[in-house]
Amino acid sequence: MKIAVLIKQVPDTWGERHIDVDTARTDRSGDLVVDEIDLKALEVALRIKDADKATTVTVVTMGPHSALKGLRDALAMGADDAIHVVDDALAGSDVPQTARALAAAVAPRGFDLIVAGNEATDGRGAAVPAMLAELLELPHATFLRSLEVADATLTGERLTDRGRAEIRVGLPAVVSVTEHIAEARFPGFKGILSAKKKPVESLDAAVLGLAPDEVGESSAWSRVRSVTPRPPRAAGTVVTDDGNGADQLAEFLASRKFI
C-alpha cells in the first residue's frame, strides 16, 4: 500500500499568533512546527506500515523553503520519503489553490490512501481534504476519530451532532482525522539520523503544470482586503454582593442576552 500524509508547518500553538497587517497573512516570523493534528495523521499511516511492512509512507507539504525542516521531522518519525511543493509563485494561495497544487503533486503517484488532519490550526478552513478528493475524483471520509484498513477497504468512526457514524469506503480514498485519532510517536535517534538520507522531491508550479494565473495571491479566489488588530482585553465587570449579588448577576447576563 502507498500512503500519502499531508502536513503543514504552522506557528507554534504555544506562542502568540498575529496577522501581518501589511500582507494580511499569518505572521510566520516566529517558531514554526509541524501542526500537531498532522503528526497524528502521520501516526495513523505509520501504524498501518507497522502492520504491513510492504506499505510506504510519503509526507507531502506545500510551503516555503523553511518547511523542509518539518518534512525532515516527519521522516525522522518513520516516513519513507517526502514531496515538497515549493515556489514563491504559490505564496498567498487560498484554500482552493492549495488543494489544486497538492492534487497536482500526488495525482501521478497512485497513492492508495491520502491522510490529512481535519484542519490546520493557523487557518481552520477544514476544506482542503474534501477539495483534494474532489479534484482527484476519489471518495473521501472526513473528521474520523478512528480508522482501520483491510482488504482494500477503510472503515472508521466519526462523531456527529446525533451520535456516531460508521464509515466504510473503498480504496483509493482521501480521509481526514481529528485530534482523537492517535498520539504521535517521538522520533528515535536512529530515525533522526536516517531522516537526513531519505529522499525529498521538490516540485515547483511549472513542474506541476500550474500556470502563473492559477496560483498565488493575485489570482486567489478569495482575498483578505483588510486586517484590524484585535482590541486589548477590557477589564471585566465586578459584582459586589451586598445582598443583591444574584440580582446584579442576572441583570448582567440579561443585558448580554445570555438569559
Foldseek 3Di string as FASTA:
>chain_A
DEEEQEKEKDPDPVDDWDQDQVARHTDPPDDIEIFQLSLLQLQVQVVVCVVPVVYAYEYEYEDAPVCVVNRLQSQLLPHQEYEYAYDPLQPQADLLLRLLLVLLVCLVPDGFEYEYAQAGPRPRPSCSQVSNCVVSVFAEEEAFLEWDDDPQKIWTWHADPVGIDIDIGGIPYYYHYYPNNDHRDGRDPVSSVCSVVHYYHYDYCVNSVHDSCSHHNVNHPDHDPGDDDDDDDDDDDDQDPPPCSVVVVVVVCVVVVVD
